[in-house]
Amino acid sequence: NSLALHDHGGTLLACSYYIKSPEGCG
């Protein structure tokens, strides 16, 4: 599965933190 293409309009900084993901995912 995946998230739809999106933005974080007007945001100065955005981040993602991966807690757990199998190899080859994320």
PDB file of all heavy atoms in Angstrom:
ATOM      1  N   ASN A   1       0.841  -1.195   0.000  1.00  0.00           N
ATOM      2  CA  ASN A   1       0.000   0.000   0.000  1.00  0.00           C
ATOM      3  C   ASN A   1       0.875   1.244   0.000  1.00  0.00           C
ATOM      4  O   ASN A   1       2.062   1.183   0.307  1.00  0.00           O
ATOM      5  CB  ASN A   1      -0.924   0.030   1.217  1.00  0.00           C
ATOM      6  CG  ASN A   1      -2.011  -1.003   1.133  1.00  0.00           C
ATOM      7  OD1 ASN A   1      -2.122  -1.735   0.154  1.00  0.00           O
ATOM      8  ND2 ASN A   1      -2.832  -1.075   2.157  1.00  0.00           N
ATOM      9  N   SER A   2       0.268   2.371  -0.315  1.00  0.00           N
ATOM     10  CA  SER A   2       1.020   3.621  -0.296  1.00  0.00           C
ATOM     11  C   SER A   2       0.082   4.775  -0.012  1.00  0.00           C
ATOM     12  O   SER A   2      -1.140   4.642  -0.099  1.00  0.00           O
ATOM     13  CB  SER A   2       1.717   3.841  -1.638  1.00  0.00           C
ATOM     14  OG  SER A   2       0.759   3.951  -2.676  1.00  0.00           O
ATOM     15  N   LEU A   3       0.667   5.901   0.341  1.00  0.00           N
ATOM     16  CA  LEU A   3      -0.095   7.128   0.516  1.00  0.00           C
ATOM     17  C   LEU A   3      -0.210   7.820  -0.838  1.00  0.00           C
ATOM     18  O   LEU A   3       0.701   7.722  -1.666  1.00  0.00           O
ATOM     19  CB  LEU A   3       0.609   8.074   1.482  1.00  0.00           C
ATOM     20  CG  LEU A   3       0.656   7.652   2.939  1.00  0.00           C
ATOM     21  CD1 LEU A   3       1.509   8.622   3.737  1.00  0.00           C
ATOM     22  CD2 LEU A   3      -0.749   7.576   3.515  1.00  0.00           C
ATOM     23  N   ALA A   4      -1.276   8.543  -1.050  1.00  0.00           N
ATOM     24  CA  ALA A   4      -1.439   9.315  -2.275  1.00  0.00           C
ATOM     25  C   ALA A   4      -0.409  10.441  -2.303  1.00  0.00           C
ATOM     26  O   ALA A   4       0.009  10.941  -1.254  1.00  0.00           O
ATOM     27  CB  ALA A   4      -2.848   9.895  -2.342  1.00  0.00           C
ATOM     28  N   LEU A   5      -0.020  10.828  -3.496  1.00  0.00           N
ATOM     29  CA  LEU A   5       0.875  11.956  -3.669  1.00  0.00           C
ATOM     30  C   LEU A   5       0.234  13.181  -3.009  1.00  0.00           C
ATOM     31  O   LEU A   5      -0.941  13.465  -3.223  1.00  0.00           O
ATOM     32  CB  LEU A   5       1.098  12.210  -5.163  1.00  0.00           C
ATOM     33  CG  LEU A   5       2.047  13.324  -5.538  1.00  0.00           C
ATOM     34  CD1 LEU A   5       3.455  12.991  -5.064  1.00  0.00           C
ATOM     35  CD2 LEU A   5       2.034  13.523  -7.044  1.00  0.00           C
ATOM     36  N   HIS A   6       0.988  13.857  -2.159  1.00  0.00           N
ATOM     37  CA  HIS A   6       0.456  15.011  -1.451  1.00  0.00           C
ATOM     38  C   HIS A   6       1.587  15.961  -1.079  1.00  0.00           C
ATOM     39  O   HIS A   6       2.757  15.623  -1.233  1.00  0.00           O
ATOM     40  CB  HIS A   6      -0.301  14.572  -0.184  1.00  0.00           C
ATOM     41  CG  HIS A   6       0.571  13.954   0.852  1.00  0.00           C
ATOM     42  ND1 HIS A   6       0.998  12.647   0.799  1.00  0.00           N
ATOM     43  CD2 HIS A   6       1.114  14.475   1.979  1.00  0.00           C
ATOM     44  CE1 HIS A   6       1.764  12.387   1.844  1.00  0.00           C
ATOM     45  NE2 HIS A   6       1.860  13.479   2.573  1.00  0.00           N
ATOM     46  N   ASP A   7       1.216  17.133  -0.611  1.00  0.00           N
ATOM     47  CA  ASP A   7       2.221  18.071  -0.118  1.00  0.00           C
ATOM     48  C   ASP A   7       1.801  18.552   1.262  1.00  0.00           C
ATOM     49  O   ASP A   7       0.761  18.158   1.775  1.00  0.00           O
ATOM     50  CB  ASP A   7       2.425  19.250  -1.085  1.00  0.00           C
ATOM     51  CG  ASP A   7       1.199  20.134  -1.214  1.00  0.00           C
ATOM     52  OD1 ASP A   7       0.358  20.182  -0.294  1.00  0.00           O
ATOM     53  OD2 ASP A   7       1.077  20.813  -2.250  1.00  0.00           O
ATOM     54  N   HIS A   8       2.635  19.368   1.828  1.00  0.00           N
ATOM     55  CA  HIS A   8       2.365  19.929   3.149  1.00  0.00           C
ATOM     56  C   HIS A   8       2.355  21.448   2.997  1.00  0.00           C
ATOM     57  O   HIS A   8       3.080  22.158   3.687  1.00  0.00           O
ATOM     58  CB  HIS A   8       3.419  19.470   4.153  1.00  0.00           C
ATOM     59  CG  HIS A   8       3.410  17.998   4.378  1.00  0.00           C
ATOM     60  ND1 HIS A   8       3.144  17.443   5.598  1.00  0.00           N
ATOM     61  CD2 HIS A   8       3.603  16.952   3.536  1.00  0.00           C
ATOM     62  CE1 HIS A   8       3.184  16.121   5.509  1.00  0.00           C
ATOM     63  NE2 HIS A   8       3.462  15.809   4.260  1.00  0.00           N
ATOM     64  N   GLY A   9       1.527  21.921   2.056  1.00  0.00           N
ATOM     65  CA  GLY A   9       1.450  23.315   1.638  1.00  0.00           C
ATOM     66  C   GLY A   9       1.709  24.334   2.728  1.00  0.00           C
ATOM     67  O   GLY A   9       1.105  24.299   3.789  1.00  0.00           O
ATOM     68  N   GLY A  10       2.624  25.240   2.448  1.00  0.00           N
ATOM     69  CA  GLY A  10       2.916  26.319   3.365  1.00  0.00           C
ATOM     70  C   GLY A  10       3.792  25.943   4.544  1.00  0.00           C
ATOM     71  O   GLY A  10       4.129  26.778   5.367  1.00  0.00           O
ATOM     72  N   THR A  11       4.182  24.691   4.624  1.00  0.00           N
ATOM     73  CA  THR A  11       5.002  24.234   5.740  1.00  0.00           C
ATOM     74  C   THR A  11       6.467  24.560   5.477  1.00  0.00           C
ATOM     75  O   THR A  11       6.973  24.326   4.391  1.00  0.00           O
ATOM     76  CB  THR A  11       4.829  22.714   5.930  1.00  0.00           C
ATOM     77  OG1 THR A  11       3.461  22.435   6.155  1.00  0.00           O
ATOM     78  CG2 THR A  11       5.661  22.196   7.065  1.00  0.00           C
ATOM     79  N   LEU A  12       7.129  25.083   6.476  1.00  0.00           N
ATOM     80  CA  LEU A  12       8.541  25.404   6.339  1.00  0.00           C
ATOM     81  C   LEU A  12       9.391  24.136   6.329  1.00  0.00           C
ATOM     82  O   LEU A  12      10.302  23.997   5.520  1.00  0.00           O
ATOM     83  CB  LEU A  12       8.975  26.325   7.488  1.00  0.00           C
ATOM     84  CG  LEU A  12      10.394  26.847   7.448  1.00  0.00           C
ATOM     85  CD1 LEU A  12      10.645  27.658   6.185  1.00  0.00           C
ATOM     86  CD2 LEU A  12      10.672  27.699   8.676  1.00  0.00           C
ATOM     87  N   LEU A  13       9.083  23.205   7.224  1.00  0.00           N
ATOM     88  CA  LEU A  13       9.801  21.942   7.304  1.00  0.00           C
ATOM     89  C   LEU A  13       8.794  20.804   7.475  1.00  0.00           C
ATOM     90  O   LEU A  13       7.794  20.968   8.170  1.00  0.00           O
ATOM     91  CB  LEU A  13      10.752  21.918   8.499  1.00  0.00           C
ATOM     92  CG  LEU A  13      11.921  22.883   8.485  1.00  0.00           C
ATOM     93  CD1 LEU A  13      12.603  22.901   9.854  1.00  0.00           C
ATOM     94  CD2 LEU A  13      12.924  22.510   7.420  1.00  0.00           C
ATOM     95  N   ALA A  14       9.080  19.675   6.867  1.00  0.00           N
ATOM     96  CA  ALA A  14       8.264  18.476   7.062  1.00  0.00           C
ATOM     97  C   ALA A  14       9.229  17.318   7.283  1.00  0.00           C
ATOM     98  O   ALA A  14      10.357  17.337   6.802  1.00  0.00           O
ATOM     99  CB  ALA A  14       7.387  18.210   5.841  1.00  0.00           C
ATOM    100  N   CYS A  15       8.783  16.330   8.034  1.00  0.00           N
ATOM    101  CA  CYS A  15       9.659  15.179   8.260  1.00  0.00           C
ATOM    102  C   CYS A  15       8.833  13.907   8.324  1.00  0.00           C
ATOM    103  O   CYS A  15       7.624  13.935   8.550  1.00  0.00           O
ATOM    104  CB  CYS A  15      10.494  15.353   9.515  1.00  0.00           C
ATOM    105  SG  CYS A  15       9.588  15.107  11.045  1.00  0.00           S
ATOM    106  N   SER A  16       9.519  12.801   8.100  1.00  0.00           N
ATOM    107  CA  SER A  16       8.936  11.466   8.249  1.00  0.00           C
ATOM    108  C   SER A  16       9.882  10.656   9.107  1.00  0.00           C
ATOM    109  O   SER A  16      11.105  10.753   8.951  1.00  0.00           O
ATOM    110  CB  SER A  16       8.802  10.767   6.891  1.00  0.00           C
ATOM    111  OG  SER A  16       7.856  11.418   6.091  1.00  0.00           O
ATOM    112  N   TYR A  17       9.325   9.874  10.012  1.00  0.00           N
ATOM    113  CA  TYR A  17      10.120   8.975  10.841  1.00  0.00           C
ATOM    114  C   TYR A  17       9.538   7.584  10.676  1.00  0.00           C
ATOM    115  O   TYR A  17       8.341   7.379  10.883  1.00  0.00           O
ATOM    116  CB  TYR A  17      10.072   9.389  12.324  1.00  0.00           C
ATOM    117  CG  TYR A  17      10.849   8.441  13.214  1.00  0.00           C
ATOM    118  CD1 TYR A  17      12.233   8.441  13.210  1.00  0.00           C
ATOM    119  CD2 TYR A  17      10.192   7.525  14.036  1.00  0.00           C
ATOM    120  CE1 TYR A  17      12.948   7.567  14.010  1.00  0.00           C
ATOM    121  CE2 TYR A  17      10.897   6.653  14.838  1.00  0.00           C
ATOM    122  CZ  TYR A  17      12.281   6.671  14.814  1.00  0.00           C
ATOM    123  OH  TYR A  17      12.990   5.800  15.598  1.00  0.00           O
ATOM    124  N   TYR A  18      10.368   6.650  10.259  1.00  0.00           N
ATOM    125  CA  TYR A  18       9.922   5.277  10.060  1.00  0.00           C
ATOM    126  C   TYR A  18      10.180   4.493  11.336  1.00  0.00           C
ATOM    127  O   TYR A  18      11.331   4.296  11.726  1.00  0.00           O
ATOM    128  CB  TYR A  18      10.664   4.642   8.884  1.00  0.00           C
ATOM    129  CG  TYR A  18      10.202   5.205   7.562  1.00  0.00           C
ATOM    130  CD1 TYR A  18      10.776   6.344   7.024  1.00  0.00           C
ATOM    131  CD2 TYR A  18       9.161   4.599   6.871  1.00  0.00           C
ATOM    132  CE1 TYR A  18      10.338   6.870   5.826  1.00  0.00           C
ATOM    133  CE2 TYR A  18       8.711   5.116   5.667  1.00  0.00           C
ATOM    134  CZ  TYR A  18       9.306   6.248   5.154  1.00  0.00           C
ATOM    135  OH  TYR A  18       8.857   6.763   3.977  1.00  0.00           O
ATOM    136  N   ILE A  19       9.100   4.047  11.968  1.00  0.00           N
ATOM    137  CA  ILE A  19       9.223   3.289  13.202  1.00  0.00           C
ATOM    138  C   ILE A  19       9.627   1.860  12.880  1.00  0.00           C
ATOM    139  O   ILE A  19      10.572   1.324  13.441  1.00  0.00           O
ATOM    140  CB  ILE A  19       7.907   3.311  14.005  1.00  0.00           C
ATOM    141  CG1 ILE A  19       7.582   4.756  14.390  1.00  0.00           C
ATOM    142  CG2 ILE A  19       8.021   2.440  15.252  1.00  0.00           C
ATOM    143  CD1 ILE A  19       6.219   4.937  15.035  1.00  0.00           C
ATOM    144  N   LYS A  20       8.908   1.242  11.955  1.00  0.00           N
ATOM    145  CA  LYS A  20       9.211  -0.123  11.514  1.00  0.00           C
ATOM    146  C   LYS A  20       8.783  -0.267  10.079  1.00  0.00           C
ATOM    147  O   LYS A  20       7.714   0.191   9.694  1.00  0.00           O
ATOM    148  CB  LYS A  20       8.416  -1.146  12.325  1.00  0.00           C
ATOM    149  CG  LYS A  20       9.062  -1.636  13.560  1.00  0.00           C
ATOM    150  CD  LYS A  20       8.270  -2.784  14.143  1.00  0.00           C
ATOM    151  CE  LYS A  20       8.939  -3.263  15.409  1.00  0.00           C
ATOM    152  NZ  LYS A  20       8.201  -4.310  16.069  1.00  0.00           N
ATOM    153  N   SER A  21       9.607  -0.910   9.288  1.00  0.00           N
ATOM    154  CA  SER A  21       9.199  -1.280   7.936  1.00  0.00           C
ATOM    155  C   SER A  21      10.079  -2.438   7.490  1.00  0.00           C
ATOM    156  O   SER A  21      11.284  -2.450   7.748  1.00  0.00           O
ATOM    157  CB  SER A  21       9.298  -0.106   6.969  1.00  0.00           C
ATOM    158  OG  SER A  21      10.617   0.346   6.846  1.00  0.00           O
ATOM    159  N   PRO A  22       9.472  -3.411   6.831  1.00  0.00           N
ATOM    160  CA  PRO A  22      10.259  -4.528   6.325  1.00  0.00           C
ATOM    161  C   PRO A  22      11.246  -4.053   5.264  1.00  0.00           C
ATOM    162  O   PRO A  22      11.055  -2.990   4.656  1.00  0.00           O
ATOM    163  CB  PRO A  22       9.209  -5.465   5.703  1.00  0.00           C
ATOM    164  CG  PRO A  22       7.903  -5.011   6.225  1.00  0.00           C
ATOM    165  CD  PRO A  22       8.055  -3.566   6.578  1.00  0.00           C
ATOM    166  N   GLU A  23      12.276  -4.818   5.041  1.00  0.00           N
ATOM    167  CA  GLU A  23      13.271  -4.497   4.022  1.00  0.00           C
ATOM    168  C   GLU A  23      12.568  -4.282   2.684  1.00  0.00           C
ATOM    169  O   GLU A  23      11.679  -5.027   2.306  1.00  0.00           O
ATOM    170  CB  GLU A  23      14.288  -5.632   3.906  1.00  0.00           C
ATOM    171  CG  GLU A  23      15.565  -5.245   3.206  1.00  0.00           C
ATOM    172  CD  GLU A  23      16.338  -4.171   3.942  1.00  0.00           C
ATOM    173  OE1 GLU A  23      16.385  -4.192   5.183  1.00  0.00           O
ATOM    174  OE2 GLU A  23      16.895  -3.292   3.276  1.00  0.00           O
ATOM    175  N   GLY A  24      12.948  -3.222   1.955  1.00  0.00           N
ATOM    176  CA  GLY A  24      12.361  -2.939   0.651  1.00  0.00           C
ATOM    177  C   GLY A  24      11.040  -2.193   0.713  1.00  0.00           C
ATOM    178  O   GLY A  24      10.411  -1.966  -0.311  1.00  0.00           O
ATOM    179  N   CYS A  25      10.617  -1.798   1.910  1.00  0.00           N
ATOM    180  CA  CYS A  25       9.362  -1.045   2.059  1.00  0.00           C
ATOM    181  C   CYS A  25       9.678   0.338   2.613  1.00  0.00           C
ATOM    182  O   CYS A  25      10.711   0.543   3.231  1.00  0.00           O
ATOM    183  CB  CYS A  25       8.420  -1.756   3.022  1.00  0.00           C
ATOM    184  SG  CYS A  25       7.809  -3.315   2.404  1.00  0.00           S
ATOM    185  N   GLY A  26       8.773   1.245   2.419  1.00  0.00           N
ATOM    186  CA  GLY A  26       8.903   2.559   3.031  1.00  0.00           C
ATOM    187  C   GLY A  26       9.650   3.583   2.209  1.00  0.00           C
ATOM    188  O   GLY A  26      10.045   4.614   2.737  1.00  0.00           O
TER     189      GLY A  26
END
